[in-house]
Every structure is written in structure tokens, then in C-alpha cells.
PDB file of N, CA and C in Angstrom:
ATOM      1  N   UNK A   1     -45.280  -4.533 -29.333  1.00  0.00           N
ATOM      2  CA  UNK A   1     -43.537  -4.459 -28.918  1.00  0.00           C
ATOM      3  C   UNK A   1     -43.474  -2.949 -28.760  1.00  0.00           C
ATOM      4  N   UNK A   2     -42.515  -2.639 -28.053  1.00  0.00           N
ATOM      5  CA  UNK A   2     -42.194  -1.191 -28.369  1.00  0.00           C
ATOM      6  C   UNK A   2     -40.852  -1.332 -29.179  1.00  0.00           C
ATOM      7  N   UNK A   3     -40.576  -0.617 -30.376  1.00  0.00           N
ATOM      8  CA  UNK A   3     -38.862  -1.063 -30.413  1.00  0.00           C
ATOM      9  C   UNK A   3     -38.755   0.210 -31.119  1.00  0.00           C
ATOM     10  N   UNK A   4     -37.824   0.723 -30.190  1.00  0.00           N
ATOM     11  CA  UNK A   4     -37.214   2.327 -30.571  1.00  0.00           C
ATOM     12  C   UNK A   4     -35.853   1.981 -31.668  1.00  0.00           C
ATOM     13  N   UNK A   5     -35.541   0.866 -32.149  1.00  0.00           N
ATOM     14  CA  UNK A   5     -34.153   0.740 -33.024  1.00  0.00           C
ATOM     15  C   UNK A   5     -35.139   1.423 -34.331  1.00  0.00           C
ATOM     16  N   UNK A   6     -34.800   2.756 -34.537  1.00  0.00           N
ATOM     17  CA  UNK A   6     -35.352   3.451 -36.143  1.00  0.00           C
ATOM     18  C   UNK A   6     -34.613   3.344 -37.546  1.00  0.00           C
ATOM     19  N   UNK A   7     -33.452   2.638 -37.099  1.00  0.00           N
ATOM     20  CA  UNK A   7     -32.520   3.051 -37.998  1.00  0.00           C
ATOM     21  C   UNK A   7     -32.243   1.410 -38.475  1.00  0.00           C
ATOM     22  N   UNK A   8     -32.254   1.121 -39.821  1.00  0.00           N
ATOM     23  CA  UNK A   8     -32.170  -0.185 -40.218  1.00  0.00           C
ATOM     24  C   UNK A   8     -31.843  -0.257 -41.769  1.00  0.00           C
ATOM     25  N   UNK A   9     -30.780  -1.244 -41.768  1.00  0.00           N
ATOM     26  CA  UNK A   9     -29.750  -1.643 -42.690  1.00  0.00           C
ATOM     27  C   UNK A   9     -30.218  -2.940 -43.324  1.00  0.00           C
ATOM     28  N   UNK A  10     -30.653  -3.258 -44.488  1.00  0.00           N
ATOM     29  CA  UNK A  10     -30.433  -4.483 -45.306  1.00  0.00           C
ATOM     30  C   UNK A  10     -29.914  -4.462 -46.353  1.00  0.00           C
ATOM     31  N   UNK A  11     -28.188  -5.699 -46.054  1.00  0.00           N
ATOM     32  CA  UNK A  11     -27.349  -5.547 -47.415  1.00  0.00           C
ATOM     33  C   UNK A  11     -27.055  -7.219 -46.705  1.00  0.00           C
ATOM     34  N   UNK A  12     -26.414  -7.711 -47.347  1.00  0.00           N
ATOM     35  CA  UNK A  12     -25.784  -9.323 -47.742  1.00  0.00           C
ATOM     36  C   UNK A  12     -24.268  -9.446 -46.294  1.00  0.00           C
ATOM     37  N   UNK A  13     -24.042 -10.497 -45.809  1.00  0.00           N
ATOM     38  CA  UNK A  13     -23.062 -10.582 -44.986  1.00  0.00           C
ATOM     39  C   UNK A  13     -21.917 -10.234 -45.921  1.00  0.00           C
ATOM     40  N   UNK A  14     -20.693  -9.350 -45.681  1.00  0.00           N
ATOM     41  CA  UNK A  14     -19.786  -9.308 -46.624  1.00  0.00           C
ATOM     42  C   UNK A  14     -18.691 -10.526 -45.864  1.00  0.00           C
ATOM     43  N   UNK A  15     -18.381 -10.432 -44.228  1.00  0.00           N
ATOM     44  CA  UNK A  15     -17.699 -11.132 -44.037  1.00  0.00           C
ATOM     45  C   UNK A  15     -17.782 -11.519 -42.332  1.00  0.00           C
ATOM     46  N   UNK A  16     -17.117 -12.683 -41.627  1.00  0.00           N
ATOM     47  CA  UNK A  16     -17.577 -12.503 -40.459  1.00  0.00           C
ATOM     48  C   UNK A  16     -16.204 -13.045 -39.638  1.00  0.00           C
ATOM     49  N   UNK A  17     -15.736 -12.249 -38.686  1.00  0.00           N
ATOM     50  CA  UNK A  17     -14.243 -12.478 -38.374  1.00  0.00           C
ATOM     51  C   UNK A  17     -14.361 -13.073 -36.864  1.00  0.00           C
ATOM     52  N   UNK A  18     -13.857 -14.050 -36.302  1.00  0.00           N
ATOM     53  CA  UNK A  18     -14.493 -14.400 -34.710  1.00  0.00           C
ATOM     54  C   UNK A  18     -13.227 -13.858 -34.369  1.00  0.00           C
ATOM     55  N   UNK A  19     -13.597 -13.613 -33.162  1.00  0.00           N
ATOM     56  CA  UNK A  19     -13.017 -12.738 -31.896  1.00  0.00           C
ATOM     57  C   UNK A  19     -12.766 -13.194 -30.919  1.00  0.00           C
ATOM     58  N   UNK A  20     -12.904 -14.145 -30.426  1.00  0.00           N
ATOM     59  CA  UNK A  20     -12.528 -15.285 -29.241  1.00  0.00           C
ATOM     60  C   UNK A  20     -14.277 -15.609 -28.883  1.00  0.00           C
ATOM     61  N   UNK A  21     -15.373 -15.083 -27.883  1.00  0.00           N
ATOM     62  CA  UNK A  21     -16.438 -15.518 -27.933  1.00  0.00           C
ATOM     63  C   UNK A  21     -17.368 -14.129 -28.418  1.00  0.00           C
ATOM     64  N   UNK A  22     -16.570 -13.193 -29.660  1.00  0.00           N
ATOM     65  CA  UNK A  22     -17.541 -12.794 -30.037  1.00  0.00           C
ATOM     66  C   UNK A  22     -17.008 -12.726 -31.708  1.00  0.00           C
ATOM     67  N   UNK A  23     -18.061 -12.125 -32.044  1.00  0.00           N
ATOM     68  CA  UNK A  23     -17.960 -12.362 -33.723  1.00  0.00           C
ATOM     69  C   UNK A  23     -17.869 -10.625 -34.770  1.00  0.00           C
ATOM     70  N   UNK A  24     -17.156 -10.399 -35.392  1.00  0.00           N
ATOM     71  CA  UNK A  24     -17.249  -9.215 -35.992  1.00  0.00           C
ATOM     72  C   UNK A  24     -17.958  -9.158 -37.523  1.00  0.00           C
ATOM     73  N   UNK A  25     -19.181  -8.760 -37.915  1.00  0.00           N
ATOM     74  CA  UNK A  25     -19.629  -8.956 -38.716  1.00  0.00           C
ATOM     75  C   UNK A  25     -20.066  -7.396 -39.614  1.00  0.00           C
ATOM     76  N   UNK A  26     -19.497  -7.748 -40.859  1.00  0.00           N
ATOM     77  CA  UNK A  26     -19.755  -6.923 -42.014  1.00  0.00           C
ATOM     78  C   UNK A  26     -20.753  -7.440 -42.552  1.00  0.00           C
ATOM     79  N   UNK A  27     -21.788  -6.038 -42.742  1.00  0.00           N
ATOM     80  CA  UNK A  27     -22.749  -6.038 -43.630  1.00  0.00           C
ATOM     81  C   UNK A  27     -23.071  -4.102 -43.924  1.00  0.00           C
ATOM     82  N   UNK A  28     -22.797  -4.361 -45.580  1.00  0.00           N
ATOM     83  CA  UNK A  28     -22.652  -3.051 -45.646  1.00  0.00           C
ATOM     84  C   UNK A  28     -22.000  -2.364 -45.509  1.00  0.00           C
ATOM     85  N   UNK A  29     -21.964  -1.229 -45.302  1.00  0.00           N
ATOM     86  CA  UNK A  29     -21.197  -0.055 -44.119  1.00  0.00           C
ATOM     87  C   UNK A  29     -20.725  -0.405 -43.144  1.00  0.00           C
ATOM     88  N   UNK A  30     -21.667  -1.017 -42.437  1.00  0.00           N
ATOM     89  CA  UNK A  30     -21.929  -1.307 -41.049  1.00  0.00           C
ATOM     90  C   UNK A  30     -21.218  -2.584 -40.387  1.00  0.00           C
ATOM     91  N   UNK A  31     -20.338  -2.432 -39.383  1.00  0.00           N
ATOM     92  CA  UNK A  31     -19.607  -3.511 -38.808  1.00  0.00           C
ATOM     93  C   UNK A  31     -20.185  -3.584 -37.296  1.00  0.00           C
ATOM     94  N   UNK A  32     -20.509  -5.210 -36.887  1.00  0.00           N
ATOM     95  CA  UNK A  32     -21.385  -5.200 -35.654  1.00  0.00           C
ATOM     96  C   UNK A  32     -20.668  -6.119 -35.021  1.00  0.00           C
ATOM     97  N   UNK A  33     -19.947  -6.244 -33.627  1.00  0.00           N
ATOM     98  CA  UNK A  33     -19.690  -7.248 -32.834  1.00  0.00           C
ATOM     99  C   UNK A  33     -21.105  -7.672 -32.318  1.00  0.00           C
ATOM    100  N   UNK A  34     -21.137  -9.462 -32.187  1.00  0.00           N
ATOM    101  CA  UNK A  34     -21.968 -10.050 -31.527  1.00  0.00           C
ATOM    102  C   UNK A  34     -21.630 -11.417 -31.032  1.00  0.00           C
ATOM    103  N   UNK A  35     -22.135 -11.617 -30.080  1.00  0.00           N
ATOM    104  CA  UNK A  35     -21.782 -13.024 -29.263  1.00  0.00           C
ATOM    105  C   UNK A  35     -21.584 -14.349 -30.409  1.00  0.00           C
ATOM    106  N   UNK A  36     -20.479 -14.760 -29.872  1.00  0.00           N
ATOM    107  CA  UNK A  36     -20.605 -16.200 -31.078  1.00  0.00           C
ATOM    108  C   UNK A  36     -21.522 -16.838 -31.045  1.00  0.00           C
ATOM    109  N   UNK A  37     -22.451 -17.310 -29.728  1.00  0.00           N
ATOM    110  CA  UNK A  37     -23.900 -17.943 -29.631  1.00  0.00           C
ATOM    111  C   UNK A  37     -24.683 -16.542 -30.142  1.00  0.00           C
ATOM    112  N   UNK A  38     -24.854 -15.605 -30.348  1.00  0.00           N
ATOM    113  CA  UNK A  38     -25.926 -15.106 -31.832  1.00  0.00           C
ATOM    114  C   UNK A  38     -25.830 -15.921 -32.677  1.00  0.00           C
ATOM    115  N   UNK A  39     -24.267 -15.564 -33.268  1.00  0.00           N
ATOM    116  CA  UNK A  39     -23.866 -15.666 -34.715  1.00  0.00           C
ATOM    117  C   UNK A  39     -24.231 -17.288 -35.329  1.00  0.00           C
ATOM    118  N   UNK A  40     -24.107 -18.161 -34.161  1.00  0.00           N
ATOM    119  CA  UNK A  40     -24.943 -19.472 -34.776  1.00  0.00           C
ATOM    120  C   UNK A  40     -26.362 -19.235 -34.782  1.00  0.00           C
ATOM    121  N   UNK A  41     -26.523 -18.753 -33.407  1.00  0.00           N
ATOM    122  CA  UNK A  41     -28.484 -18.852 -33.974  1.00  0.00           C
ATOM    123  C   UNK A  41     -28.898 -17.978 -35.030  1.00  0.00           C
ATOM    124  N   UNK A  42     -28.463 -16.870 -35.358  1.00  0.00           N
ATOM    125  CA  UNK A  42     -28.764 -16.593 -36.353  1.00  0.00           C
ATOM    126  C   UNK A  42     -28.049 -16.920 -38.016  1.00  0.00           C
ATOM    127  N   UNK A  43     -27.488 -18.042 -37.528  1.00  0.00           N
ATOM    128  CA  UNK A  43     -26.880 -18.942 -38.901  1.00  0.00           C
ATOM    129  C   UNK A  43     -26.174 -18.167 -39.543  1.00  0.00           C
ATOM    130  N   UNK A  44     -25.684 -16.974 -39.295  1.00  0.00           N
ATOM    131  CA  UNK A  44     -24.704 -16.154 -40.394  1.00  0.00           C
ATOM    132  C   UNK A  44     -23.760 -16.877 -40.983  1.00  0.00           C
ATOM    133  N   UNK A  45     -23.918 -16.103 -42.751  1.00  0.00           N
ATOM    134  CA  UNK A  45     -22.747 -16.870 -43.104  1.00  0.00           C
ATOM    135  C   UNK A  45     -22.671 -15.600 -44.186  1.00  0.00           C
ATOM    136  N   UNK A  46     -21.109 -15.468 -44.598  1.00  0.00           N
ATOM    137  CA  UNK A  46     -21.353 -14.654 -46.175  1.00  0.00           C
ATOM    138  C   UNK A  46     -22.425 -14.460 -47.118  1.00  0.00           C
ATOM    139  N   UNK A  47     -22.458 -13.696 -48.104  1.00  0.00           N
ATOM    140  CA  UNK A  47     -23.688 -13.764 -48.821  1.00  0.00           C
ATOM    141  C   UNK A  47     -25.288 -13.646 -48.005  1.00  0.00           C
ATOM    142  N   UNK A  48     -25.437 -14.132 -47.063  1.00  0.00           N
ATOM    143  CA  UNK A  48     -26.909 -13.882 -46.629  1.00  0.00           C
ATOM    144  C   UNK A  48     -27.333 -12.813 -46.842  1.00  0.00           C
ATOM    145  N   UNK A  49     -28.313 -12.480 -46.533  1.00  0.00           N
ATOM    146  CA  UNK A  49     -29.017 -11.194 -46.593  1.00  0.00           C
ATOM    147  C   UNK A  49     -29.599 -11.253 -44.981  1.00  0.00           C
ATOM    148  N   UNK A  50     -29.199  -9.598 -44.499  1.00  0.00           N
ATOM    149  CA  UNK A  50     -29.932  -9.462 -43.297  1.00  0.00           C
ATOM    150  C   UNK A  50     -30.026  -8.049 -43.438  1.00  0.00           C
ATOM    151  N   UNK A  51     -30.857  -7.722 -41.947  1.00  0.00           N
ATOM    152  CA  UNK A  51     -31.700  -6.700 -41.414  1.00  0.00           C
ATOM    153  C   UNK A  51     -30.659  -6.317 -40.565  1.00  0.00           C
ATOM    154  N   UNK A  52     -29.847  -5.528 -40.308  1.00  0.00           N
ATOM    155  CA  UNK A  52     -29.176  -4.672 -39.062  1.00  0.00           C
ATOM    156  C   UNK A  52     -30.106  -3.575 -38.599  1.00  0.00           C
ATOM    157  N   UNK A  53     -30.708  -3.673 -37.250  1.00  0.00           N
ATOM    158  CA  UNK A  53     -31.076  -2.992 -37.053  1.00  0.00           C
ATOM    159  C   UNK A  53     -30.514  -1.948 -35.774  1.00  0.00           C
ATOM    160  N   UNK A  54     -30.707  -0.923 -35.568  1.00  0.00           N
ATOM    161  CA  UNK A  54     -29.998  -0.496 -34.413  1.00  0.00           C
ATOM    162  C   UNK A  54     -30.595   1.142 -33.836  1.00  0.00           C
ATOM    163  N   UNK A  55     -30.022   1.305 -32.554  1.00  0.00           N
ATOM    164  CA  UNK A  55     -30.882   2.778 -32.198  1.00  0.00           C
ATOM    165  C   UNK A  55     -29.497   3.726 -32.275  1.00  0.00           C
ATOM    166  N   UNK A  56     -29.671   4.892 -32.964  1.00  0.00           N
ATOM    167  CA  UNK A  56     -28.469   6.182 -33.340  1.00  0.00           C
ATOM    168  C   UNK A  56     -28.038   6.493 -32.168  1.00  0.00           C
ATOM    169  N   UNK A  57     -28.284   6.271 -31.184  1.00  0.00           N
ATOM    170  CA  UNK A  57     -27.251   6.346 -29.785  1.00  0.00           C
ATOM    171  C   UNK A  57     -26.389   5.017 -29.123  1.00  0.00           C
ATOM    172  N   UNK A  58     -26.578   4.019 -30.272  1.00  0.00           N
ATOM    173  CA  UNK A  58     -25.999   2.874 -29.946  1.00  0.00           C
ATOM    174  C   UNK A  58     -24.746   3.288 -31.116  1.00  0.00           C
ATOM    175  N   UNK A  59     -25.037   4.004 -32.066  1.00  0.00           N
ATOM    176  CA  UNK A  59     -23.791   4.157 -33.241  1.00  0.00           C
ATOM    177  C   UNK A  59     -22.643   4.182 -32.661  1.00  0.00           C
ATOM    178  N   UNK A  60     -21.609   3.943 -33.507  1.00  0.00           N
ATOM    179  CA  UNK A  60     -20.330   4.738 -32.844  1.00  0.00           C
ATOM    180  C   UNK A  60     -19.594   4.513 -34.514  1.00  0.00           C
ATOM    181  N   UNK A  61     -18.537   5.755 -34.483  1.00  0.00           N
ATOM    182  CA  UNK A  61     -18.120   5.591 -35.602  1.00  0.00           C
ATOM    183  C   UNK A  61     -16.561   5.811 -35.392  1.00  0.00           C
ATOM    184  N   UNK A  62     -16.038   5.091 -36.276  1.00  0.00           N
ATOM    185  CA  UNK A  62     -14.554   4.773 -36.065  1.00  0.00           C
ATOM    186  C   UNK A  62     -13.683   5.120 -37.426  1.00  0.00           C
ATOM    187  N   UNK A  63     -13.054   5.830 -37.091  1.00  0.00           N
ATOM    188  CA  UNK A  63     -12.229   5.849 -38.873  1.00  0.00           C
ATOM    189  C   UNK A  63     -11.508   4.600 -39.333  1.00  0.00           C
ATOM    190  N   UNK A  64     -11.176   4.868 -40.858  1.00  0.00           N
ATOM    191  CA  UNK A  64     -10.541   3.493 -41.376  1.00  0.00           C
ATOM    192  C   UNK A  64      -9.017   3.310 -41.189  1.00  0.00           C
TER     193      UNK A  64
END
């Protein structure tokens, strides 16, 4: 399988915030928005060690 996601960050889930049908997940310095269904399927919980994988072209920077 060809996987073009070359950026990986392993860290504990710091927080999970429901936002309608989406969920905002904080993993180390990364914030990701995923579907609520994906969060359930992945069994995400604060403190769980996960790996965020993403393409550089999909990353966005926002001021704090």
C-alpha cells in the first residue's frame, strides 16, 4: 500500500471536544478535527497514546 503521509507524531491525547458531528482532538502540539464516528471507532480517550499521520500539504497553521 502506498502511503504518502510522511509526517508522524506520537503523543498522548490531551483533550477531546465534541463539536456537533465532529470532534476536535488535541495530540501534543497538533489539533485535528475528525468525525464523531471516527473518534468512536478509534476509541479515543484522554491519555491514550496515538500517532497522528498527515501529509504536509494537509497541515494548516493557525495563531493561538
